[in-house]
């Protein structure tokens, strides 16, 4: 079982970072941030959220990644985002319910 978890951890690095690098998603995101504009618009891209540069960089990349799915220019992408938010909401409900469980009192889960 230990090797399975290690293998899955290694696969996560490939699936998230390397795959986005080889298919161009990483470069596309970085170019979007470098342009200083929100994708598909001339609106300025906000780059300071918390004042901590590392966190702001991640939030800026996430903004450029998720903005096209929420701006409404592509109805199919917007519908997919609504479906995703429903799935995320269900998972978040499970996390909240688990944090309320008496067995988690005084732990990091609470």
Foldseek 3Di string as FASTA:
>chain_A
DVVVVVVVVVVVCCVPPVVCVVVVVVVVLVVCVVVQAAPPDRHGQDQDDPPDNVVSVVVSSVCNVCVVLCPPPDVVSVVVVVVVVVVVVVVVVVLVVVLPDPVCPPHPSD
